[in-house]
């Protein structure tokens, strides 16, 4: 399952998805795929 992480396009800091939905012009939502090496 892929997780979504939202970041500010101005500062590069991670923000909440709720904040990203309110400020679509200044945020970037990226999909983070889990690495297979972490599962055992």
N, C-alpha and C. Protein backbone atom coordinates (compact mmCIF):
# COMPACT_ATOMS: atom_id res chain seq x y z
N UNK A 1 0.84 -1.19 0.00
CA UNK A 1 0.00 0.00 0.00
C UNK A 1 0.88 1.25 0.00
N UNK A 2 0.57 2.18 -0.86
CA UNK A 2 1.38 3.38 -0.98
C UNK A 2 0.86 4.48 -0.06
N UNK A 3 1.78 5.16 0.58
CA UNK A 3 1.43 6.27 1.45
C UNK A 3 1.64 7.57 0.70
N UNK A 4 0.90 8.60 1.10
CA UNK A 4 1.06 9.90 0.47
C UNK A 4 1.65 10.87 1.47
N UNK A 5 2.62 11.64 1.00
CA UNK A 5 3.26 12.64 1.84
C UNK A 5 3.13 13.98 1.14
N UNK A 6 2.72 15.00 1.89
CA UNK A 6 2.56 16.34 1.32
C UNK A 6 3.71 17.21 1.80
N UNK A 7 4.26 18.00 0.84
CA UNK A 7 5.36 18.89 1.18
C UNK A 7 5.07 20.29 0.65
N UNK A 8 5.58 21.28 1.36
CA UNK A 8 5.46 22.65 0.89
C UNK A 8 6.45 22.88 -0.24
N UNK A 9 6.01 23.49 -1.31
CA UNK A 9 6.88 23.77 -2.44
C UNK A 9 7.82 24.94 -2.13
N UNK A 10 7.48 25.73 -1.13
CA UNK A 10 8.28 26.90 -0.79
C UNK A 10 9.41 26.53 0.17
N UNK A 11 9.05 25.87 1.27
CA UNK A 11 10.04 25.57 2.30
C UNK A 11 10.60 24.15 2.21
N UNK A 12 9.87 23.23 1.56
CA UNK A 12 10.31 21.86 1.48
C UNK A 12 9.94 21.05 2.71
N UNK A 13 9.27 21.67 3.67
CA UNK A 13 8.89 20.96 4.89
C UNK A 13 7.63 20.14 4.64
N UNK A 14 7.53 19.03 5.37
CA UNK A 14 6.35 18.19 5.25
C UNK A 14 5.17 18.83 5.95
N UNK A 15 4.01 18.77 5.31
CA UNK A 15 2.78 19.32 5.87
C UNK A 15 1.70 18.24 5.83
N UNK A 16 0.57 18.51 6.46
CA UNK A 16 -0.52 17.54 6.47
C UNK A 16 -1.25 17.54 5.13
N UNK A 17 -1.94 16.44 4.86
CA UNK A 17 -2.70 16.35 3.61
C UNK A 17 -3.86 17.35 3.60
N UNK A 18 -4.39 17.66 4.79
CA UNK A 18 -5.46 18.64 4.88
C UNK A 18 -4.95 20.02 4.46
N UNK A 19 -3.73 20.35 4.89
CA UNK A 19 -3.13 21.63 4.52
C UNK A 19 -2.88 21.67 3.01
N UNK A 20 -2.45 20.55 2.46
CA UNK A 20 -2.15 20.49 1.03
C UNK A 20 -3.42 20.69 0.19
N UNK A 21 -4.53 20.18 0.68
CA UNK A 21 -5.79 20.33 -0.06
C UNK A 21 -6.26 21.78 -0.04
N UNK A 22 -5.94 22.49 1.06
CA UNK A 22 -6.34 23.89 1.16
C UNK A 22 -5.41 24.81 0.37
N UNK A 23 -4.16 24.38 0.17
CA UNK A 23 -3.17 25.20 -0.53
C UNK A 23 -2.54 24.42 -1.68
N UNK A 24 -3.32 24.10 -2.72
CA UNK A 24 -2.79 23.26 -3.80
C UNK A 24 -1.69 23.94 -4.63
N UNK A 25 -1.65 25.26 -4.63
CA UNK A 25 -0.65 25.95 -5.46
C UNK A 25 0.74 25.93 -4.82
N UNK A 26 0.79 25.80 -3.49
CA UNK A 26 2.09 25.89 -2.81
C UNK A 26 2.52 24.57 -2.19
N UNK A 27 1.81 23.48 -2.50
CA UNK A 27 2.18 22.19 -1.93
C UNK A 27 2.29 21.13 -3.02
N UNK A 28 3.06 20.09 -2.70
CA UNK A 28 3.25 18.96 -3.62
C UNK A 28 2.93 17.69 -2.84
N UNK A 29 2.02 16.87 -3.38
CA UNK A 29 1.69 15.60 -2.75
C UNK A 29 2.41 14.50 -3.51
N UNK A 30 3.25 13.76 -2.81
CA UNK A 30 4.02 12.70 -3.45
C UNK A 30 3.64 11.34 -2.88
N UNK A 31 3.69 10.33 -3.73
CA UNK A 31 3.37 8.96 -3.31
C UNK A 31 4.66 8.27 -2.90
N UNK A 32 4.66 7.72 -1.68
CA UNK A 32 5.84 7.04 -1.15
C UNK A 32 5.56 5.55 -1.14
N UNK A 33 6.28 4.80 -1.96
CA UNK A 33 6.09 3.35 -2.01
C UNK A 33 6.96 2.69 -0.96
N UNK A 34 6.42 1.70 -0.25
CA UNK A 34 7.22 1.02 0.76
C UNK A 34 8.33 0.19 0.13
N UNK A 35 9.46 0.13 0.80
CA UNK A 35 10.57 -0.66 0.28
C UNK A 35 10.41 -2.13 0.67
N UNK A 36 10.76 -3.01 -0.22
CA UNK A 36 10.58 -4.44 0.05
C UNK A 36 11.61 -4.95 1.05
N UNK A 37 12.74 -4.24 1.18
CA UNK A 37 13.81 -4.72 2.06
C UNK A 37 13.43 -4.59 3.53
N UNK A 38 12.45 -3.71 3.86
CA UNK A 38 12.09 -3.52 5.24
C UNK A 38 11.16 -4.63 5.76
N UNK A 39 10.52 -5.35 4.84
CA UNK A 39 9.63 -6.45 5.26
C UNK A 39 10.44 -7.73 5.42
N UNK A 40 10.08 -8.47 6.44
CA UNK A 40 10.77 -9.75 6.67
C UNK A 40 9.76 -10.88 6.71
